[in-house]
Amino acid sequence: MDGVREFVNNSCSNLNIIISVRAGDRIGCVYRVEEFCLKRFECLKICFGNEQNPFIDGIKVCYYDYGQYGATELVVKKYGCTLDNLLNKNFRIIFLSAGPTIAVSAHII
């Protein structure tokens, strides 16, 4: 899982995803930013880092559909916290519709 994850859009909207890649193991230090789009019900495997920088430090998910805008932004604040584990110990990251926002879930494959 060195800098590669599978992202799944299980929402009814096209999504714009921005991930911040952590510089090494230093939380809050950004190595690079990767931005991509996921169409409705699309699944993409994204390579965003390398062996030295394999961790996601934050993620922002946005949609604009039928005149409505929604966004969810999650940022890791502490090593080993629930969010850090969700983003970095699971291969598949899943996005779901949750009213005006997007829920983020994950599971190991």
C-alpha atoms as a PDB file:
ATOM      1  CA  MET A   1       0.000   0.000   0.000  1.00  0.00           C
ATOM      2  CA  ASP A   2       2.949   2.338  -0.445  1.00  0.00           C
ATOM      3  CA  GLY A   3       1.241   5.448  -1.777  1.00  0.00           C
ATOM      4  CA  VAL A   4      -1.535   3.637  -3.663  1.00  0.00           C
ATOM      5  CA  ARG A   5      -5.234   3.493  -2.756  1.00  0.00           C
ATOM      6  CA  GLU A   6      -8.437   2.578  -4.497  1.00  0.00           C
ATOM      7  CA  PHE A   7     -11.101   5.296  -4.332  1.00  0.00           C
ATOM      8  CA  VAL A   8     -14.774   4.387  -4.849  1.00  0.00           C
ATOM      9  CA  ASN A   9     -17.577   6.881  -5.478  1.00  0.00           C
ATOM     10  CA  ASN A  10     -20.805   5.311  -4.192  1.00  0.00           C
ATOM     11  CA  SER A  11     -22.610   8.662  -4.217  1.00  0.00           C
ATOM     12  CA  CYS A  12     -25.019   9.962  -6.832  1.00  0.00           C
ATOM     13  CA  SER A  13     -22.756  12.893  -7.770  1.00  0.00           C
ATOM     14  CA  ASN A  14     -19.482  13.400  -9.568  1.00  0.00           C
ATOM     15  CA  LEU A  15     -16.801  14.166  -6.991  1.00  0.00           C
ATOM     16  CA  ASN A  16     -13.653  16.270  -6.941  1.00  0.00           C
ATOM     17  CA  ILE A  17     -11.106  14.758  -4.553  1.00  0.00           C
ATOM     18  CA  ILE A  18      -8.012  16.497  -3.168  1.00  0.00           C
ATOM     19  CA  ILE A  19      -5.589  14.491  -1.045  1.00  0.00           C
ATOM     20  CA  SER A  20      -2.641  15.880   0.897  1.00  0.00           C
ATOM     21  CA  VAL A  21       0.270  13.451   1.037  1.00  0.00           C
ATOM     22  CA  ARG A  22       2.262  13.531   4.273  1.00  0.00           C
ATOM     23  CA  ALA A  23       5.998  14.226   4.112  1.00  0.00           C
ATOM     24  CA  GLY A  24       7.409  11.065   5.688  1.00  0.00           C
ATOM     25  CA  ASP A  25       5.861  10.522   9.119  1.00  0.00           C
ATOM     26  CA  ARG A  26       5.545  14.246   9.981  1.00  0.00           C
ATOM     27  CA  ILE A  27       1.873  15.036  10.477  1.00  0.00           C
ATOM     28  CA  GLY A  28       0.967  18.446   9.074  1.00  0.00           C
ATOM     29  CA  CYS A  29       3.917  18.555   6.666  1.00  0.00           C
ATOM     30  CA  VAL A  30       2.666  18.163   3.110  1.00  0.00           C
ATOM     31  CA  TYR A  31       4.867  16.409   0.562  1.00  0.00           C
ATOM     32  CA  ARG A  32       2.459  16.981  -2.334  1.00  0.00           C
ATOM     33  CA  VAL A  33      -1.197  17.454  -3.219  1.00  0.00           C
ATOM     34  CA  GLU A  34      -3.018  15.147  -5.625  1.00  0.00           C
ATOM     35  CA  GLU A  35      -6.337  16.142  -7.200  1.00  0.00           C
ATOM     36  CA  PHE A  36      -8.638  13.956  -9.288  1.00  0.00           C
ATOM     37  CA  CYS A  37     -12.287  13.472 -10.235  1.00  0.00           C
ATOM     38  CA  LEU A  38     -14.494  10.453  -9.653  1.00  0.00           C
ATOM     39  CA  LYS A  39     -17.650  10.077 -11.731  1.00  0.00           C
ATOM     40  CA  ARG A  40     -20.814   8.617 -10.232  1.00  0.00           C
ATOM     41  CA  PHE A  41     -20.192   5.030  -9.082  1.00  0.00           C
ATOM     42  CA  GLU A  42     -16.657   5.053 -10.497  1.00  0.00           C
ATOM     43  CA  CYS A  43     -13.692   3.269  -8.920  1.00  0.00           C
ATOM     44  CA  LEU A  44     -10.088   4.426  -9.527  1.00  0.00           C
ATOM     45  CA  LYS A  45      -6.733   3.228  -8.263  1.00  0.00           C
ATOM     46  CA  ILE A  46      -4.556   6.301  -7.582  1.00  0.00           C
ATOM     47  CA  CYS A  47      -0.793   6.380  -7.011  1.00  0.00           C
ATOM     48  CA  PHE A  48      -0.082   9.467  -4.880  1.00  0.00           C
ATOM     49  CA  GLY A  49       3.142   8.801  -3.005  1.00  0.00           C
ATOM     50  CA  ASN A  50       6.189   6.564  -2.747  1.00  0.00           C
ATOM     51  CA  GLU A  51       8.019   4.411  -0.187  1.00  0.00           C
ATOM     52  CA  GLN A  52       9.236   7.469   1.744  1.00  0.00           C
ATOM     53  CA  ASN A  53       5.892   9.328   1.582  1.00  0.00           C
ATOM     54  CA  PRO A  54       3.105   6.713   1.613  1.00  0.00           C
ATOM     55  CA  PHE A  55       0.616   8.386   3.989  1.00  0.00           C
ATOM     56  CA  ILE A  56      -2.454  10.540   3.381  1.00  0.00           C
ATOM     57  CA  ASP A  57      -2.465  13.549   5.724  1.00  0.00           C
ATOM     58  CA  GLY A  58      -5.820  14.997   4.675  1.00  0.00           C
ATOM     59  CA  ILE A  59      -8.619  14.642   2.171  1.00  0.00           C
ATOM     60  CA  LYS A  60     -11.215  17.035   0.781  1.00  0.00           C
ATOM     61  CA  VAL A  61     -14.214  15.831  -1.208  1.00  0.00           C
ATOM     62  CA  CYS A  62     -16.464  18.271  -3.092  1.00  0.00           C
ATOM     63  CA  TYR A  63     -19.474  17.988  -5.359  1.00  0.00           C
ATOM     64  CA  TYR A  64     -21.660  20.373  -7.295  1.00  0.00           C
ATOM     65  CA  ASP A  65     -24.867  18.863  -8.569  1.00  0.00           C
ATOM     66  CA  TYR A  66     -28.301  20.245  -9.469  1.00  0.00           C
ATOM     67  CA  GLY A  67     -27.398  23.668  -8.092  1.00  0.00           C
ATOM     68  CA  GLN A  68     -26.207  22.311  -4.751  1.00  0.00           C
ATOM     69  CA  TYR A  69     -22.664  22.304  -3.408  1.00  0.00           C
ATOM     70  CA  GLY A  70     -21.339  20.055  -0.679  1.00  0.00           C
ATOM     71  CA  ALA A  71     -17.928  19.304   0.752  1.00  0.00           C
ATOM     72  CA  THR A  72     -16.251  17.227   3.417  1.00  0.00           C
ATOM     73  CA  GLU A  73     -12.719  17.920   4.599  1.00  0.00           C
ATOM     74  CA  LEU A  74     -10.794  15.630   6.952  1.00  0.00           C
ATOM     75  CA  VAL A  75      -7.293  16.363   8.288  1.00  0.00           C
ATOM     76  CA  VAL A  76      -5.149  14.076  10.446  1.00  0.00           C
ATOM     77  CA  LYS A  77      -4.082  15.836  13.661  1.00  0.00           C
ATOM     78  CA  LYS A  78      -2.477  12.958  15.584  1.00  0.00           C
ATOM     79  CA  TYR A  79      -0.561   9.854  14.559  1.00  0.00           C
ATOM     80  CA  GLY A  80      -2.615   6.694  15.087  1.00  0.00           C
ATOM     81  CA  CYS A  81      -5.942   8.474  15.579  1.00  0.00           C
ATOM     82  CA  THR A  82      -9.116   7.034  14.056  1.00  0.00           C
ATOM     83  CA  LEU A  83      -8.865   9.203  10.932  1.00  0.00           C
ATOM     84  CA  ASP A  84      -5.176   8.367  10.426  1.00  0.00           C
ATOM     85  CA  ASN A  85      -6.016   4.668  10.627  1.00  0.00           C
ATOM     86  CA  LEU A  86      -9.028   5.045   8.313  1.00  0.00           C
ATOM     87  CA  LEU A  87      -7.007   6.770   5.577  1.00  0.00           C
ATOM     88  CA  ASN A  88      -3.722   4.889   5.929  1.00  0.00           C
ATOM     89  CA  LYS A  89      -4.485   1.325   7.033  1.00  0.00           C
ATOM     90  CA  ASN A  90      -7.149   0.603   4.430  1.00  0.00           C
ATOM     91  CA  PHE A  91      -6.629   0.058   0.731  1.00  0.00           C
ATOM     92  CA  ARG A  92     -10.107   1.094  -0.421  1.00  0.00           C
ATOM     93  CA  ILE A  93     -11.548   4.538   0.457  1.00  0.00           C
ATOM     94  CA  ILE A  94     -15.298   4.809  -0.172  1.00  0.00           C
ATOM     95  CA  PHE A  95     -17.405   7.965  -0.573  1.00  0.00           C
ATOM     96  CA  LEU A  96     -21.146   7.875   0.167  1.00  0.00           C
ATOM     97  CA  SER A  97     -23.953  10.430  -0.044  1.00  0.00           C
ATOM     98  CA  ALA A  98     -24.971  11.720   3.384  1.00  0.00           C
ATOM     99  CA  GLY A  99     -27.499  14.479   2.825  1.00  0.00           C
ATOM    100  CA  PRO A 100     -25.682  17.686   1.897  1.00  0.00           C
ATOM    101  CA  THR A 101     -22.258  16.186   2.698  1.00  0.00           C
ATOM    102  CA  ILE A 102     -20.169  13.218   1.648  1.00  0.00           C
ATOM    103  CA  ALA A 103     -19.350  10.451   4.135  1.00  0.00           C
ATOM    104  CA  VAL A 104     -15.944   8.785   3.956  1.00  0.00           C
ATOM    105  CA  SER A 105     -15.558   5.101   4.771  1.00  0.00           C
ATOM    106  CA  ALA A 106     -12.935   2.446   4.091  1.00  0.00           C
ATOM    107  CA  HIS A 107     -12.099  -1.235   4.285  1.00  0.00           C
ATOM    108  CA  ILE A 108      -9.151  -3.552   3.839  1.00  0.00           C
ATOM    109  CA  ILE A 109      -8.984  -5.780   0.782  1.00  0.00           C
END
